[in-house]
PDB file of N, CA and C in Angstrom:
ATOM      1  N   MET A   1     136.233 -72.821  69.007  1.00  0.00           N
ATOM      2  CA  MET A   1     135.308 -72.069  68.183  1.00  0.00           C
ATOM      3  C   MET A   1     135.034 -70.723  68.841  1.00  0.00           C
ATOM      4  N   SER A   2     135.302 -69.646  68.130  1.00  0.00           N
ATOM      5  CA  SER A   2     135.040 -68.335  68.704  1.00  0.00           C
ATOM      6  C   SER A   2     133.578 -67.958  68.466  1.00  0.00           C
ATOM      7  N   MET A   3     133.016 -67.283  69.443  1.00  0.00           N
ATOM      8  CA  MET A   3     131.615 -66.880  69.353  1.00  0.00           C
ATOM      9  C   MET A   3     131.527 -65.365  69.449  1.00  0.00           C
ATOM     10  N   THR A   4     130.549 -64.823  68.765  1.00  0.00           N
ATOM     11  CA  THR A   4     130.295 -63.392  68.798  1.00  0.00           C
ATOM     12  C   THR A   4     129.091 -63.153  69.695  1.00  0.00           C
ATOM     13  N   TYR A   5     129.304 -62.418  70.770  1.00  0.00           N
ATOM     14  CA  TYR A   5     128.229 -62.109  71.711  1.00  0.00           C
ATOM     15  C   TYR A   5     127.701 -60.712  71.409  1.00  0.00           C
ATOM     16  N   LEU A   6     126.381 -60.601  71.304  1.00  0.00           N
ATOM     17  CA  LEU A   6     125.740 -59.336  70.962  1.00  0.00           C
ATOM     18  C   LEU A   6     124.735 -58.930  72.026  1.00  0.00           C
ATOM     19  N   THR A   7     124.630 -57.639  72.246  1.00  0.00           N
ATOM     20  CA  THR A   7     123.562 -57.124  73.095  1.00  0.00           C
ATOM     21  C   THR A   7     122.263 -57.148  72.295  1.00  0.00           C
ATOM     22  N   THR A   8     121.157 -56.883  72.937  1.00  0.00           N
ATOM     23  CA  THR A   8     119.868 -56.847  72.248  1.00  0.00           C
ATOM     24  C   THR A   8     119.874 -55.796  71.148  1.00  0.00           C
ATOM     25  N   GLU A   9     120.456 -54.647  71.409  1.00  0.00           N
ATOM     26  CA  GLU A   9     120.501 -53.568  70.430  1.00  0.00           C
ATOM     27  C   GLU A   9     121.354 -53.950  69.219  1.00  0.00           C
ATOM     28  N   GLU A  10     122.494 -54.612  69.462  1.00  0.00           N
ATOM     29  CA  GLU A  10     123.351 -55.048  68.357  1.00  0.00           C
ATOM     30  C   GLU A  10     122.662 -56.116  67.516  1.00  0.00           C
ATOM     31  N   LEU A  11     121.970 -57.044  68.179  1.00  0.00           N
ATOM     32  CA  LEU A  11     121.231 -58.075  67.453  1.00  0.00           C
ATOM     33  C   LEU A  11     120.119 -57.443  66.617  1.00  0.00           C
ATOM     34  N   SER A  12     119.444 -56.458  67.168  1.00  0.00           N
ATOM     35  CA  SER A  12     118.347 -55.821  66.437  1.00  0.00           C
ATOM     36  C   SER A  12     118.838 -55.158  65.154  1.00  0.00           C
ATOM     37  N   GLU A  13     120.053 -54.626  65.165  1.00  0.00           N
ATOM     38  CA  GLU A  13     120.621 -54.029  63.962  1.00  0.00           C
ATOM     39  C   GLU A  13     120.902 -55.084  62.905  1.00  0.00           C
ATOM     40  N   ARG A  14     121.334 -56.260  63.336  1.00  0.00           N
ATOM     41  CA  ARG A  14     121.682 -57.322  62.381  1.00  0.00           C
ATOM     42  C   ARG A  14     120.466 -58.004  61.781  1.00  0.00           C
ATOM     43  N   ILE A  15     119.420 -58.247  62.580  1.00  0.00           N
ATOM     44  CA  ILE A  15     118.267 -58.986  62.059  1.00  0.00           C
ATOM     45  C   ILE A  15     117.084 -58.070  61.737  1.00  0.00           C
ATOM     46  N   LYS A  16     117.266 -56.775  61.939  1.00  0.00           N
ATOM     47  CA  LYS A  16     116.246 -55.770  61.579  1.00  0.00           C
ATOM     48  C   LYS A  16     114.920 -55.961  62.307  1.00  0.00           C
ATOM     49  N   TYR A  17     115.023 -56.262  63.606  1.00  0.00           N
ATOM     50  CA  TYR A  17     113.862 -56.323  64.487  1.00  0.00           C
ATOM     51  C   TYR A  17     114.055 -55.274  65.571  1.00  0.00           C
ATOM     52  N   ASN A  18     112.985 -54.735  66.064  1.00  0.00           N
ATOM     53  CA  ASN A  18     113.028 -53.784  67.163  1.00  0.00           C
ATOM     54  C   ASN A  18     113.539 -54.495  68.421  1.00  0.00           C
ATOM     55  N   PRO A  19     114.410 -53.852  69.225  1.00  0.00           N
ATOM     56  CA  PRO A  19     114.887 -54.496  70.455  1.00  0.00           C
ATOM     57  C   PRO A  19     113.756 -54.948  71.379  1.00  0.00           C
ATOM     58  N   ARG A  20     112.691 -54.183  71.443  1.00  0.00           N
ATOM     59  CA  ARG A  20     111.552 -54.557  72.289  1.00  0.00           C
ATOM     60  C   ARG A  20     110.906 -55.850  71.785  1.00  0.00           C
ATOM     61  N   THR A  21     110.800 -56.020  70.469  1.00  0.00           N
ATOM     62  CA  THR A  21     110.243 -57.243  69.893  1.00  0.00           C
ATOM     63  C   THR A  21     111.120 -58.441  70.238  1.00  0.00           C
ATOM     64  N   ILE A  22     112.424 -58.260  70.178  1.00  0.00           N
ATOM     65  CA  ILE A  22     113.349 -59.343  70.524  1.00  0.00           C
ATOM     66  C   ILE A  22     113.151 -59.750  71.977  1.00  0.00           C
ATOM     67  N   ARG A  23     113.096 -58.770  72.879  1.00  0.00           N
ATOM     68  CA  ARG A  23     112.952 -59.064  74.311  1.00  0.00           C
ATOM     69  C   ARG A  23     111.593 -59.649  74.660  1.00  0.00           C
ATOM     70  N   ASN A  24     110.534 -59.116  74.079  1.00  0.00           N
ATOM     71  CA  ASN A  24     109.183 -59.496  74.501  1.00  0.00           C
ATOM     72  C   ASN A  24     108.569 -60.649  73.717  1.00  0.00           C
ATOM     73  N   GLU A  25     108.947 -60.831  72.455  1.00  0.00           N
ATOM     74  CA  GLU A  25     108.284 -61.841  71.640  1.00  0.00           C
ATOM     75  C   GLU A  25     109.201 -62.978  71.183  1.00  0.00           C
ATOM     76  N   LEU A  26     110.445 -62.678  70.827  1.00  0.00           N
ATOM     77  CA  LEU A  26     111.330 -63.720  70.311  1.00  0.00           C
ATOM     78  C   LEU A  26     112.065 -64.475  71.411  1.00  0.00           C
ATOM     79  N   LYS A  27     112.471 -63.757  72.457  1.00  0.00           N
ATOM     80  CA  LYS A  27     113.213 -64.392  73.541  1.00  0.00           C
ATOM     81  C   LYS A  27     112.306 -65.391  74.252  1.00  0.00           C
ATOM     82  N   ASP A  28     112.802 -66.595  74.444  1.00  0.00           N
ATOM     83  CA  ASP A  28     112.117 -67.705  75.103  1.00  0.00           C
ATOM     84  C   ASP A  28     111.018 -68.352  74.270  1.00  0.00           C
ATOM     85  N   SER A  29     110.774 -67.879  73.053  1.00  0.00           N
ATOM     86  CA  SER A  29     109.862 -68.595  72.166  1.00  0.00           C
ATOM     87  C   SER A  29     110.632 -69.076  70.942  1.00  0.00           C
ATOM     88  N   VAL A  30     111.360 -68.192  70.303  1.00  0.00           N
ATOM     89  CA  VAL A  30     112.183 -68.545  69.149  1.00  0.00           C
ATOM     90  C   VAL A  30     113.647 -68.625  69.559  1.00  0.00           C
ATOM     91  N   LEU A  31     114.070 -67.675  70.353  1.00  0.00           N
ATOM     92  CA  LEU A  31     115.458 -67.634  70.839  1.00  0.00           C
ATOM     93  C   LEU A  31     115.499 -68.288  72.220  1.00  0.00           C
ATOM     94  N   ILE A  32     116.232 -69.377  72.336  1.00  0.00           N
ATOM     95  CA  ILE A  32     116.229 -70.212  73.526  1.00  0.00           C
ATOM     96  C   ILE A  32     117.485 -69.975  74.361  1.00  0.00           C
ATOM     97  N   GLU A  33     117.288 -69.818  75.677  1.00  0.00           N
ATOM     98  CA  GLU A  33     118.420 -69.623  76.587  1.00  0.00           C
ATOM     99  C   GLU A  33     119.311 -70.864  76.573  1.00  0.00           C
ATOM    100  N   GLY A  34     120.600 -70.632  76.498  1.00  0.00           N
ATOM    101  CA  GLY A  34     121.569 -71.718  76.443  1.00  0.00           C
ATOM    102  C   GLY A  34     121.969 -72.077  75.023  1.00  0.00           C
ATOM    103  N   ARG A  35     121.098 -71.828  74.078  1.00  0.00           N
ATOM    104  CA  ARG A  35     121.433 -72.065  72.669  1.00  0.00           C
ATOM    105  C   ARG A  35     121.648 -70.754  71.925  1.00  0.00           C
ATOM    106  N   HIS A  36     120.714 -69.829  72.046  1.00  0.00           N
ATOM    107  CA  HIS A  36     120.785 -68.562  71.324  1.00  0.00           C
ATOM    108  C   HIS A  36     121.243 -67.399  72.188  1.00  0.00           C
ATOM    109  N   TYR A  37     121.097 -67.523  73.492  1.00  0.00           N
ATOM    110  CA  TYR A  37     121.561 -66.448  74.372  1.00  0.00           C
ATOM    111  C   TYR A  37     121.957 -67.005  75.724  1.00  0.00           C
ATOM    112  N   ILE A  38     122.762 -66.219  76.419  1.00  0.00           N
ATOM    113  CA  ILE A  38     123.199 -66.578  77.770  1.00  0.00           C
ATOM    114  C   ILE A  38     123.015 -65.385  78.695  1.00  0.00           C
ATOM    115  N   ARG A  39     123.014 -65.673  79.968  1.00  0.00           N
ATOM    116  CA  ARG A  39     123.014 -64.642  81.011  1.00  0.00           C
ATOM    117  C   ARG A  39     124.328 -64.822  81.777  1.00  0.00           C
ATOM    118  N   PRO A  40     125.354 -64.049  81.399  1.00  0.00           N
ATOM    119  CA  PRO A  40     126.659 -64.240  82.043  1.00  0.00           C
ATOM    120  C   PRO A  40     126.580 -64.018  83.550  1.00  0.00           C
ATOM    121  N   PHE A  41     127.175 -64.924  84.285  1.00  0.00           N
ATOM    122  CA  PHE A  41     127.261 -64.854  85.738  1.00  0.00           C
ATOM    123  C   PHE A  41     125.893 -64.802  86.403  1.00  0.00           C
ATOM    124  N   GLY A  42     124.852 -65.298  85.725  1.00  0.00           N
ATOM    125  CA  GLY A  42     123.516 -65.357  86.296  1.00  0.00           C
ATOM    126  C   GLY A  42     122.850 -64.006  86.495  1.00  0.00           C
ATOM    127  N   GLN A  43     123.326 -62.997  85.815  1.00  0.00           N
ATOM    128  CA  GLN A  43     122.792 -61.643  85.963  1.00  0.00           C
ATOM    129  C   GLN A  43     121.620 -61.400  85.005  1.00  0.00           C
ATOM    130  N   ARG A  44     121.069 -60.182  85.045  1.00  0.00           N
ATOM    131  CA  ARG A  44     119.951 -59.804  84.176  1.00  0.00           C
ATOM    132  C   ARG A  44     120.386 -59.586  82.734  1.00  0.00           C
ATOM    133  N   LYS A  45     121.631 -59.161  82.554  1.00  0.00           N
ATOM    134  CA  LYS A  45     122.143 -58.856  81.217  1.00  0.00           C
ATOM    135  C   LYS A  45     122.068 -60.098  80.331  1.00  0.00           C
ATOM    136  N   ILE A  46     121.635 -59.893  79.084  1.00  0.00           N
ATOM    137  CA  ILE A  46     121.520 -60.985  78.126  1.00  0.00           C
ATOM    138  C   ILE A  46     122.500 -60.734  76.988  1.00  0.00           C
ATOM    139  N   LEU A  47     123.249 -61.776  76.624  1.00  0.00           N
ATOM    140  CA  LEU A  47     124.130 -61.714  75.467  1.00  0.00           C
ATOM    141  C   LEU A  47     123.697 -62.793  74.484  1.00  0.00           C
ATOM    142  N   PHE A  48     123.442 -62.382  73.255  1.00  0.00           N
ATOM    143  CA  PHE A  48     122.997 -63.299  72.212  1.00  0.00           C
ATOM    144  C   PHE A  48     124.203 -63.862  71.479  1.00  0.00           C
ATOM    145  N   ILE A  49     124.141 -65.137  71.117  1.00  0.00           N
ATOM    146  CA  ILE A  49     125.226 -65.823  70.420  1.00  0.00           C
ATOM    147  C   ILE A  49     124.917 -65.785  68.924  1.00  0.00           C
ATOM    148  N   TRP A  50     125.619 -64.912  68.214  1.00  0.00           N
ATOM    149  CA  TRP A  50     125.308 -64.651  66.819  1.00  0.00           C
ATOM    150  C   TRP A  50     125.418 -65.890  65.934  1.00  0.00           C
ATOM    151  N   GLU A  51     126.454 -66.676  66.078  1.00  0.00           N
ATOM    152  CA  GLU A  51     126.651 -67.834  65.212  1.00  0.00           C
ATOM    153  C   GLU A  51     125.493 -68.832  65.315  1.00  0.00           C
ATOM    154  N   SER A  52     124.985 -69.053  66.504  1.00  0.00           N
ATOM    155  CA  SER A  52     123.870 -69.972  66.705  1.00  0.00           C
ATOM    156  C   SER A  52     122.585 -69.431  66.077  1.00  0.00           C
ATOM    157  N   ILE A  53     122.344 -68.149  66.243  1.00  0.00           N
ATOM    158  CA  ILE A  53     121.155 -67.524  65.660  1.00  0.00           C
ATOM    159  C   ILE A  53     121.236 -67.551  64.140  1.00  0.00           C
ATOM    160  N   GLU A  54     122.399 -67.196  63.616  1.00  0.00           N
ATOM    161  CA  GLU A  54     122.594 -67.169  62.169  1.00  0.00           C
ATOM    162  C   GLU A  54     122.410 -68.567  61.559  1.00  0.00           C
ATOM    163  N   GLU A  55     122.958 -69.582  62.217  1.00  0.00           N
ATOM    164  CA  GLU A  55     122.832 -70.963  61.742  1.00  0.00           C
ATOM    165  C   GLU A  55     121.371 -71.397  61.695  1.00  0.00           C
ATOM    166  N   ASP A  56     120.619 -71.106  62.754  1.00  0.00           N
ATOM    167  CA  ASP A  56     119.214 -71.504  62.799  1.00  0.00           C
ATOM    168  C   ASP A  56     118.369 -70.719  61.799  1.00  0.00           C
ATOM    169  N   MET A  57     118.699 -69.451  61.573  1.00  0.00           N
ATOM    170  CA  MET A  57     117.983 -68.666  60.571  1.00  0.00           C
ATOM    171  C   MET A  57     118.227 -69.259  59.184  1.00  0.00           C
ATOM    172  N   TYR A  58     119.460 -69.670  58.914  1.00  0.00           N
ATOM    173  CA  TYR A  58     119.794 -70.269  57.618  1.00  0.00           C
ATOM    174  C   TYR A  58     119.073 -71.603  57.439  1.00  0.00           C
ATOM    175  N   LYS A  59     119.070 -72.434  58.480  1.00  0.00           N
ATOM    176  CA  LYS A  59     118.382 -73.734  58.403  1.00  0.00           C
ATOM    177  C   LYS A  59     116.899 -73.546  58.108  1.00  0.00           C
ATOM    178  N   ALA A  60     116.291 -72.592  58.792  1.00  0.00           N
ATOM    179  CA  ALA A  60     114.852 -72.359  58.623  1.00  0.00           C
ATOM    180  C   ALA A  60     114.540 -71.853  57.217  1.00  0.00           C
ATOM    181  N   SER A  61     115.396 -71.013  56.681  1.00  0.00           N
ATOM    182  CA  SER A  61     115.112 -70.457  55.362  1.00  0.00           C
ATOM    183  C   SER A  61     115.414 -71.432  54.239  1.00  0.00           C
ATOM    184  N   SER A  62     116.367 -72.353  54.445  1.00  0.00           N
ATOM    185  CA  SER A  62     116.737 -73.261  53.365  1.00  0.00           C
ATOM    186  C   SER A  62     116.052 -74.618  53.460  1.00  0.00           C
ATOM    187  N   SER A  63     115.458 -74.949  54.602  1.00  0.00           N
ATOM    188  CA  SER A  63     114.869 -76.278  54.762  1.00  0.00           C
ATOM    189  C   SER A  63     113.562 -76.433  54.001  1.00  0.00           C
ATOM    190  N   SER A  64     112.807 -75.368  53.857  1.00  0.00           N
ATOM    191  CA  SER A  64     111.547 -75.431  53.111  1.00  0.00           C
ATOM    192  C   SER A  64     111.054 -74.015  52.868  1.00  0.00           C
ATOM    193  N   ASP A  65     109.910 -73.927  52.223  1.00  0.00           N
ATOM    194  CA  ASP A  65     109.319 -72.617  51.990  1.00  0.00           C
ATOM    195  C   ASP A  65     108.815 -71.993  53.283  1.00  0.00           C
ATOM    196  N   PHE A  66     108.419 -72.839  54.219  1.00  0.00           N
ATOM    197  CA  PHE A  66     107.846 -72.331  55.460  1.00  0.00           C
ATOM    198  C   PHE A  66     108.229 -73.263  56.593  1.00  0.00           C
ATOM    199  N   ALA A  67     108.904 -72.738  57.606  1.00  0.00           N
ATOM    200  CA  ALA A  67     109.292 -73.548  58.759  1.00  0.00           C
ATOM    201  C   ALA A  67     109.072 -72.749  60.025  1.00  0.00           C
ATOM    202  N   ILE A  68     108.504 -73.397  61.028  1.00  0.00           N
ATOM    203  CA  ILE A  68     108.259 -72.750  62.315  1.00  0.00           C
ATOM    204  C   ILE A  68     109.276 -73.279  63.313  1.00  0.00           C
ATOM    205  N   PRO A  69     110.099 -72.397  63.914  1.00  0.00           N
ATOM    206  CA  PRO A  69     111.056 -72.865  64.920  1.00  0.00           C
ATOM    207  C   PRO A  69     110.321 -73.391  66.148  1.00  0.00           C
ATOM    208  N   MET A  70     110.783 -74.523  66.672  1.00  0.00           N
ATOM    209  CA  MET A  70     110.175 -75.139  67.835  1.00  0.00           C
ATOM    210  C   MET A  70     111.074 -74.926  69.054  1.00  0.00           C
ATOM    211  N   ALA A  71     110.502 -74.986  70.234  1.00  0.00           N
ATOM    212  CA  ALA A  71     111.235 -74.732  71.471  1.00  0.00           C
ATOM    213  C   ALA A  71     112.382 -75.712  71.682  1.00  0.00           C
ATOM    214  N   ASN A  72     112.286 -76.923  71.164  1.00  0.00           N
ATOM    215  CA  ASN A  72     113.336 -77.918  71.361  1.00  0.00           C
ATOM    216  C   ASN A  72     114.499 -77.753  70.383  1.00  0.00           C
ATOM    217  N   GLY A  73     114.454 -76.714  69.543  1.00  0.00           N
ATOM    218  CA  GLY A  73     115.523 -76.462  68.592  1.00  0.00           C
ATOM    219  C   GLY A  73     115.245 -76.989  67.201  1.00  0.00           C
ATOM    220  N   GLY A  74     114.177 -77.755  67.024  1.00  0.00           N
ATOM    221  CA  GLY A  74     113.818 -78.285  65.712  1.00  0.00           C
ATOM    222  C   GLY A  74     112.902 -77.322  64.968  1.00  0.00           C
ATOM    223  N   TYR A  75     112.384 -77.792  63.842  1.00  0.00           N
ATOM    224  CA  TYR A  75     111.507 -76.969  63.026  1.00  0.00           C
ATOM    225  C   TYR A  75     110.292 -77.775  62.605  1.00  0.00           C
ATOM    226  N   CYS A  76     109.179 -77.108  62.532  1.00  0.00           N
ATOM    227  CA  CYS A  76     107.950 -77.710  62.024  1.00  0.00           C
ATOM    228  C   CYS A  76     107.793 -77.213  60.598  1.00  0.00           C
ATOM    229  N   ASN A  77     107.928 -78.121  59.629  1.00  0.00           N
ATOM    230  CA  ASN A  77     107.819 -77.743  58.221  1.00  0.00           C
ATOM    231  C   ASN A  77     106.389 -77.907  57.745  1.00  0.00           C
ATOM    232  N   SER A  78     105.960 -76.975  56.938  1.00  0.00           N
ATOM    233  CA  SER A  78     104.613 -77.024  56.400  1.00  0.00           C
ATOM    234  C   SER A  78     104.696 -77.006  54.879  1.00  0.00           C
ATOM    235  N   VAL A  79     104.008 -77.904  54.244  1.00  0.00           N
ATOM    236  CA  VAL A  79     103.986 -77.959  52.794  1.00  0.00           C
ATOM    237  C   VAL A  79     102.630 -77.439  52.342  1.00  0.00           C
ATOM    238  N   THR A  80     102.654 -76.442  51.480  1.00  0.00           N
ATOM    239  CA  THR A  80     101.399 -75.894  50.965  1.00  0.00           C
ATOM    240  C   THR A  80     101.195 -76.389  49.547  1.00  0.00           C
ATOM    241  N   HIS A  81      99.969 -76.695  49.218  1.00  0.00           N
ATOM    242  CA  HIS A  81      99.669 -77.188  47.871  1.00  0.00           C
ATOM    243  C   HIS A  81      98.836 -76.189  47.124  1.00  0.00           C
TER     244      HIS A  81
END
């Protein structure tokens, strides 16, 4: 399976979030190391795995009207009445 690795700036263009928001708010809360991004050779540089992010975004949008991504990779679904 081929994977597309993106820098923070490239990811920000695809998902329309500011790079600073990705680094400070999404990384380690929504985007999980080892699943959504890696640090090649243990360095500071971060590469995001596009296919994993895209898959989880699709799952969250199609699973219900409102889903909160959880740190373990699952989703908390909320039903509003």
